[in-house]
Amino acid sequence: MKKFIAVVTSMAMAASLLTACGSNAASTETTTAAASEAASEKETAGKEAEETEPGAKTDGAASAQFQSSILFCGSTSLYPILSSLASSFTEKYVTWDAVDSSFPDSNISVYVAPGGSGVGVSAAIDGTADFGMLARDIKDSEIEALGEHYQDFVVAKDALTVSVNAENPICGIMDDMPVETIRQIFAGEIATWDQVDSTLPAEAINVYIRDLSGAYEVFQKSVMGDSEVTASATQSASMTELATNIAGDKWGIGYAGFGAYNKANADAQVLTAMKVDGVEATAENIISGAYTIQRPVMFVTGAEITPSEQAFIDYIFSQTGYDVVEANGYIPAFTPEA
């Protein structure tokens, strides 16, 4: 019965927090409101999680001080990894005392809500989420704002592939693009495929990008420089959506994440990634740094780690976590703890 209550509560709260974190936060006001609502939901969830059944063992003082609910908010790239791990962790243990006998008999509540890297780090700074998820390098100003207890936890390495639809005839003509050509395409200076290669048809190039996310910032810094992405580009709310958009458009091109690219091609080749200045986006080249359009996938906090948080962090960096990172198409940035 207790397991049933925990699962139902988690499902209901997860649905609320997906909305609360705000996947399309367009302004600081929207971001703050979303994070505040998530914090309110988290507080309510924590109170619900600490309720025990009649006859269950209790320790009032310990339970009152113990953090039974944990909230992650931010990057849509890290979201499927931590969401999967939160579910398996909760299903495996159900209550915190099953994780560690010194913990109270409170229901485990680990919530993971997508909303973008900027939303995540803002929520961590404001303290409206325990951890902010990012899929980009954290800025010095953000580290300063998080304060003396700042910590980061790098879960995976990811890269932005310059991907085209696998049915685009360019795939039979070239497999490499200079970074300058990529910049011109995404800036709209090269607008039709025959401008890339004269043997291609004069079909319009349809550019697909993320919204104002960590990926957007990485691509801007690595490829665009001072140039702006064309206003005609189609924005996508997640990497999965971006990859799906390219896969559905013969004349599309976009910067699909390495993980999203691998998942999209799991059953059949629907995307083809161009080499960039002669370097292919492979695990080896990403790890070595030879492929330069890449980013860390991580979570951060500005608070001291609580015992319950450390227990879940240990689970993330276990063999189970390693396997989930790989299953999502990413490159693990850690060696599993024994």
Protein backbone atom coordinates (compact mmCIF):
# COMPACT_ATOMS: atom_id res chain seq x y z
CA MET A 1 0.00 0.00 0.00
CA LYS A 2 2.80 2.41 0.92
CA LYS A 3 4.54 1.76 -2.40
CA PHE A 4 1.28 2.44 -4.25
CA ILE A 5 0.81 5.77 -2.43
CA ALA A 6 4.42 6.77 -3.17
CA VAL A 7 4.11 5.99 -6.88
CA VAL A 8 0.76 7.79 -7.28
CA THR A 9 2.02 10.83 -5.41
CA SER A 10 5.20 10.93 -7.52
CA MET A 11 3.26 10.70 -10.77
CA ALA A 12 0.91 13.53 -9.81
CA MET A 13 3.69 15.77 -8.57
CA ALA A 14 5.89 15.06 -11.60
CA ALA A 15 3.09 16.21 -13.90
CA SER A 16 2.75 19.46 -11.96
CA LEU A 17 6.49 20.12 -11.93
CA LEU A 18 6.87 19.60 -15.67
CA THR A 19 4.64 22.64 -16.07
CA ALA A 20 6.15 24.50 -13.16
CA CYS A 21 9.75 24.50 -14.42
CA GLY A 22 8.60 26.09 -17.68
CA SER A 23 10.01 24.64 -20.89
CA ASN A 24 9.30 27.86 -22.82
CA ALA A 25 10.34 30.53 -20.33
CA ALA A 26 10.61 33.66 -22.47
CA SER A 27 11.58 36.20 -19.83
CA THR A 28 13.09 36.60 -16.38
CA GLU A 29 9.60 37.11 -14.94
CA THR A 30 8.37 33.88 -16.48
CA THR A 31 11.43 31.99 -15.28
CA THR A 32 11.09 33.28 -11.72
CA ALA A 33 7.37 32.51 -11.56
CA ALA A 34 7.93 29.00 -12.91
CA ALA A 35 10.69 28.29 -10.42
CA SER A 36 8.65 29.70 -7.53
CA GLU A 37 5.69 27.50 -8.39
CA ALA A 38 8.00 24.48 -8.55
CA ALA A 39 9.34 25.30 -5.09
CA SER A 40 5.80 25.55 -3.73
CA GLU A 41 4.94 22.16 -5.20
CA LYS A 42 8.17 20.71 -3.78
CA GLU A 43 7.32 21.93 -0.28
CA THR A 44 3.85 20.39 -0.50
CA ALA A 45 5.31 17.14 -1.82
CA GLY A 46 7.78 17.00 1.04
CA LYS A 47 4.99 17.27 3.59
CA GLU A 48 2.99 14.55 1.85
CA ALA A 49 6.04 12.30 1.60
CA GLU A 50 6.71 12.52 5.33
CA GLU A 51 3.26 11.16 6.25
CA THR A 52 3.43 7.58 7.43
CA GLU A 53 0.89 4.83 7.80
CA PRO A 54 -0.53 3.89 11.21
CA GLY A 55 1.90 1.59 12.98
CA ALA A 56 4.88 2.67 10.85
CA LYS A 57 8.05 3.54 12.73
CA THR A 58 8.57 7.28 13.28
CA ASP A 59 11.16 9.62 14.68
CA GLY A 60 9.57 13.05 14.86
CA ALA A 61 12.73 15.10 15.32
CA ALA A 62 14.72 13.27 12.65
CA SER A 63 11.83 13.28 10.19
CA ALA A 64 11.26 17.02 10.63
CA GLN A 65 14.88 17.76 9.77
CA PHE A 66 15.30 15.19 7.03
CA GLN A 67 14.93 16.25 3.38
CA SER A 68 12.65 13.64 1.82
CA SER A 69 12.01 15.43 -1.49
CA ILE A 70 14.58 16.61 -4.06
CA LEU A 71 13.92 18.84 -7.07
CA PHE A 72 16.02 19.06 -10.24
CA CYS A 73 15.07 21.70 -12.82
CA GLY A 74 16.53 22.80 -16.16
CA SER A 75 18.17 21.27 -19.22
CA THR A 76 16.00 19.14 -21.49
CA SER A 77 19.14 17.20 -22.44
CA LEU A 78 19.78 15.97 -18.89
CA TYR A 79 16.07 15.61 -18.14
CA PRO A 80 15.52 12.10 -19.64
CA ILE A 81 18.61 10.74 -17.87
CA LEU A 82 17.74 12.03 -14.39
CA SER A 83 14.03 11.38 -14.87
CA SER A 84 14.75 7.73 -15.61
CA LEU A 85 17.09 7.45 -12.63
CA ALA A 86 14.62 9.18 -10.31
CA SER A 87 11.95 6.65 -11.30
CA SER A 88 14.18 3.60 -10.86
CA PHE A 89 15.58 4.91 -7.56
CA THR A 90 12.07 5.47 -6.18
CA GLU A 91 10.80 2.12 -7.40
CA LYS A 92 13.81 0.29 -5.99
CA TYR A 93 13.75 1.79 -2.49
CA VAL A 94 10.31 3.44 -2.03
CA THR A 95 11.22 4.87 1.41
CA TRP A 96 14.44 6.51 2.54
CA ASP A 97 15.17 4.03 5.32
CA ALA A 98 15.57 1.36 2.62
CA VAL A 99 18.42 3.44 1.18
CA ASP A 100 20.12 3.90 4.55
CA SER A 101 18.85 2.49 7.83
CA SER A 102 19.77 5.76 9.56
CA PHE A 103 17.25 7.64 7.40
CA PRO A 104 13.61 8.01 8.50
CA ASP A 105 10.72 5.99 7.10
CA SER A 106 9.63 8.71 4.65
CA ASN A 107 8.53 8.24 1.06
CA ILE A 108 11.22 9.04 -1.50
CA SER A 109 10.28 12.00 -3.72
CA VAL A 110 12.72 12.93 -6.49
CA TYR A 111 11.27 15.29 -9.10
CA VAL A 112 12.90 16.24 -12.39
CA ALA A 113 11.42 19.04 -14.48
CA PRO A 114 12.64 20.33 -17.88
CA GLY A 115 12.78 24.02 -18.71
CA GLY A 116 16.18 24.83 -20.25
CA SER A 117 19.65 25.49 -18.84
CA GLY A 118 18.95 29.13 -18.05
CA VAL A 119 15.84 28.25 -16.06
CA GLY A 120 17.74 25.55 -14.20
CA VAL A 121 20.66 27.66 -13.06
CA SER A 122 18.31 30.51 -12.09
CA ALA A 123 16.26 28.11 -9.95
CA ALA A 124 19.42 26.86 -8.24
CA ILE A 125 20.57 30.43 -7.59
CA ASP A 126 17.17 31.41 -6.16
CA GLY A 127 16.97 28.23 -4.13
CA THR A 128 13.62 27.34 -5.70
CA ALA A 129 15.15 24.06 -6.90
CA ASP A 130 17.78 21.98 -5.16
CA PHE A 131 19.74 21.48 -8.37
CA GLY A 132 19.86 23.25 -11.72
CA MET A 133 20.48 21.11 -14.81
CA LEU A 134 22.68 22.56 -17.57
CA ALA A 135 23.85 21.44 -20.99
CA ARG A 136 26.51 24.11 -21.41
CA ASP A 137 29.45 25.51 -19.52
CA ILE A 138 28.40 27.46 -16.46
CA LYS A 139 29.26 31.16 -16.52
CA ASP A 140 31.58 32.79 -14.00
CA SER A 141 28.77 35.15 -12.98
CA GLU A 142 26.52 32.15 -12.26
CA ILE A 143 29.18 30.46 -10.14
CA GLU A 144 29.57 33.69 -8.17
CA ALA A 145 25.80 33.97 -7.71
CA LEU A 146 25.59 30.38 -6.43
CA GLY A 147 28.01 31.30 -3.68
CA GLU A 148 30.64 29.63 -1.55
CA HIS A 149 28.92 26.23 -1.53
CA TYR A 150 28.84 25.98 -5.33
CA GLN A 151 29.30 22.46 -6.64
CA ASP A 152 28.90 20.97 -10.11
CA PHE A 153 28.39 17.37 -11.13
CA VAL A 154 29.22 16.51 -14.76
CA VAL A 155 27.16 13.51 -15.84
CA ALA A 156 27.87 13.30 -19.58
CA LYS A 157 29.58 14.83 -22.55
CA ASP A 158 27.51 15.88 -25.54
CA ALA A 159 28.20 17.46 -28.89
CA LEU A 160 26.09 19.35 -31.40
CA THR A 161 26.09 17.48 -34.70
CA VAL A 162 25.42 19.40 -37.89
CA SER A 163 22.76 17.05 -39.18
CA VAL A 164 20.79 16.82 -42.39
CA ASN A 165 17.97 14.53 -43.43
CA ALA A 166 19.42 11.19 -44.54
CA GLU A 167 17.41 11.43 -47.79
CA ASN A 168 18.97 14.76 -48.76
CA PRO A 169 21.05 14.15 -51.92
CA ILE A 170 23.91 16.11 -50.31
CA CYS A 171 24.71 12.91 -48.41
CA GLY A 172 25.92 11.31 -51.64
CA ILE A 173 28.01 14.32 -52.60
CA MET A 174 29.84 15.42 -49.46
CA ASP A 175 30.31 14.39 -45.85
CA ASP A 176 32.19 17.45 -44.61
CA MET A 177 31.36 21.15 -44.20
CA PRO A 178 33.70 24.00 -43.31
CA VAL A 179 32.55 25.85 -40.21
CA GLU A 180 32.25 29.02 -42.31
CA THR A 181 29.77 27.34 -44.65
CA ILE A 182 27.77 26.17 -41.63
CA ARG A 183 27.74 29.72 -40.26
CA GLN A 184 26.51 31.09 -43.59
CA ILE A 185 23.72 28.50 -43.79
CA PHE A 186 22.46 29.17 -40.28
CA ALA A 187 22.74 32.94 -40.80
CA GLY A 188 20.63 32.69 -43.95
CA GLU A 189 23.45 33.95 -46.20
CA ILE A 190 23.29 30.62 -48.04
CA ALA A 191 19.57 30.03 -48.56
CA THR A 192 19.24 27.20 -51.11
CA TRP A 193 20.98 23.85 -51.45
CA ASP A 194 22.43 24.61 -54.89
CA GLN A 195 24.45 27.38 -53.22
CA VAL A 196 26.15 24.69 -51.13
CA ASP A 197 26.89 22.52 -54.18
CA SER A 198 25.87 23.37 -57.74
CA THR A 199 24.72 19.80 -58.44
CA LEU A 200 22.02 20.04 -55.76
CA PRO A 201 18.50 21.32 -56.53
CA ALA A 202 17.58 24.92 -55.77
CA GLU A 203 15.46 23.88 -52.81
CA ALA A 204 15.19 26.22 -49.84
CA ILE A 205 17.34 25.26 -46.84
CA ASN A 206 15.15 24.85 -43.76
CA VAL A 207 17.12 25.58 -40.59
CA TYR A 208 16.15 23.96 -37.27
CA ILE A 209 17.50 25.18 -33.94
CA ARG A 210 16.75 25.01 -30.22
CA ASP A 211 15.02 27.86 -28.45
CA LEU A 212 17.12 30.08 -26.18
CA SER A 213 18.75 27.13 -24.43
CA GLY A 214 22.18 25.83 -23.53
CA ALA A 215 22.54 24.36 -27.03
CA TYR A 216 21.69 27.70 -28.60
CA GLU A 217 24.44 29.39 -26.59
CA VAL A 218 26.99 26.67 -27.41
CA PHE A 219 26.28 26.87 -31.14
CA GLN A 220 26.37 30.66 -31.08
CA LYS A 221 29.78 30.64 -29.40
CA SER A 222 31.31 27.76 -31.40
CA VAL A 223 29.98 28.51 -34.88
CA MET A 224 28.05 31.77 -35.27
CA GLY A 225 30.35 34.19 -33.48
CA ASP A 226 28.97 37.69 -34.03
CA SER A 227 26.45 36.48 -36.64
CA GLU A 228 22.81 35.94 -35.76
CA VAL A 229 20.86 32.83 -36.71
CA THR A 230 18.34 33.57 -39.46
CA ALA A 231 14.93 34.71 -38.23
CA SER A 232 13.33 32.08 -40.48
CA ALA A 233 14.83 29.22 -38.44
CA THR A 234 12.33 26.91 -36.75
CA GLN A 235 12.83 26.70 -32.99
CA SER A 236 12.41 23.42 -31.13
CA ALA A 237 11.55 23.00 -27.45
CA SER A 238 13.90 20.02 -26.96
CA MET A 239 16.69 18.14 -28.71
CA THR A 240 14.35 15.24 -29.38
CA GLU A 241 11.93 17.60 -31.14
CA LEU A 242 14.78 19.18 -33.10
CA ALA A 243 16.04 15.80 -34.35
CA THR A 244 12.48 14.78 -35.24
CA ASN A 245 12.00 17.99 -37.22
CA ILE A 246 15.12 17.36 -39.31
CA ALA A 247 14.16 13.73 -39.83
CA GLY A 248 10.80 14.86 -41.18
CA ASP A 249 12.16 17.43 -43.63
CA LYS A 250 14.22 16.29 -46.62
CA TRP A 251 15.67 19.79 -46.99
CA GLY A 252 16.25 20.44 -43.31
CA ILE A 253 19.47 21.04 -41.37
CA GLY A 254 20.01 21.58 -37.66
CA TYR A 255 22.35 21.11 -34.73
CA ALA A 256 21.01 17.89 -33.20
CA GLY A 257 22.72 16.86 -29.99
CA PHE A 258 24.91 13.74 -30.13
CA GLY A 259 22.56 11.91 -27.79
CA ALA A 260 19.43 12.92 -29.72
CA TYR A 261 21.16 12.04 -33.00
CA ASN A 262 22.02 8.54 -31.79
CA LYS A 263 18.52 7.93 -30.45
CA ALA A 264 16.91 9.16 -33.68
CA ASN A 265 19.04 6.71 -35.67
CA ALA A 266 18.56 3.78 -33.28
CA ASP A 267 16.17 1.88 -35.56
CA ALA A 268 17.07 3.31 -38.97
CA GLN A 269 19.31 6.02 -40.41
CA VAL A 270 17.13 9.13 -40.59
CA LEU A 271 19.83 11.75 -39.92
CA THR A 272 23.32 12.17 -41.32
CA ALA A 273 25.90 14.23 -39.44
CA MET A 274 28.40 16.26 -41.44
CA LYS A 275 32.01 16.37 -40.42
CA VAL A 276 33.00 19.86 -39.33
CA ASP A 277 36.31 21.07 -40.78
CA GLY A 278 37.15 17.42 -41.44
CA VAL A 279 36.41 16.18 -37.91
CA GLU A 280 33.62 13.66 -37.34
CA ALA A 281 31.41 13.79 -34.24
CA THR A 282 32.47 10.47 -32.70
CA ALA A 283 32.80 9.55 -29.04
CA GLU A 284 36.58 9.48 -29.41
CA ASN A 285 36.74 12.92 -31.03
CA ILE A 286 34.36 14.42 -28.47
CA ILE A 287 36.32 13.01 -25.53
CA SER A 288 39.65 14.19 -26.97
CA GLY A 289 38.26 17.63 -27.80
CA ALA A 290 39.06 17.28 -31.51
CA TYR A 291 35.37 17.86 -32.26
CA THR A 292 34.91 21.34 -30.87
CA ILE A 293 31.13 21.91 -30.96
CA GLN A 294 30.56 20.17 -27.64
CA ARG A 295 29.30 20.79 -24.13
CA PRO A 296 29.09 19.25 -20.66
CA VAL A 297 25.79 17.89 -19.38
CA MET A 298 25.66 18.53 -15.65
CA PHE A 299 23.78 19.74 -12.61
CA VAL A 300 24.80 22.39 -10.09
CA THR A 301 23.85 23.65 -6.66
CA GLY A 302 24.73 26.52 -4.36
CA ALA A 303 23.79 24.71 -1.17
CA GLU A 304 25.53 22.15 0.99
CA ILE A 305 24.61 18.60 -0.01
CA THR A 306 22.18 16.89 2.36
CA PRO A 307 22.43 13.16 3.20
CA SER A 308 19.41 12.28 1.04
CA GLU A 309 20.78 14.30 -1.88
CA GLN A 310 24.16 12.57 -1.55
CA ALA A 311 22.44 9.18 -1.62
CA PHE A 312 20.74 10.01 -4.92
CA ILE A 313 23.92 11.55 -6.35
CA ASP A 314 25.75 8.32 -5.53
CA TYR A 315 23.03 6.46 -7.45
CA ILE A 316 23.46 8.77 -10.47
CA PHE A 317 27.18 8.02 -10.57
CA SER A 318 26.74 4.27 -10.14
CA GLN A 319 26.79 1.59 -12.83
CA THR A 320 23.03 2.07 -13.17
CA GLY A 321 23.55 5.75 -13.94
CA TYR A 322 26.35 4.97 -16.38
CA ASP A 323 24.08 2.57 -18.27
CA VAL A 324 21.24 5.10 -18.43
CA VAL A 325 23.60 7.78 -19.81
CA GLU A 326 24.72 5.40 -22.56
CA ALA A 327 21.14 4.27 -23.27
CA ASN A 328 20.26 7.91 -23.96
CA GLY A 329 23.03 8.19 -26.54
CA TYR A 330 25.41 10.31 -24.48
CA ILE A 331 29.02 9.77 -23.46
CA PRO A 332 29.38 9.14 -19.69
CA ALA A 333 31.73 11.65 -18.08
CA PHE A 334 32.54 9.38 -15.14
CA THR A 335 33.72 5.95 -14.15
CA PRO A 336 31.03 4.13 -12.15
CA GLU A 337 31.64 3.98 -8.44
CA ALA A 338 32.12 0.46 -7.08
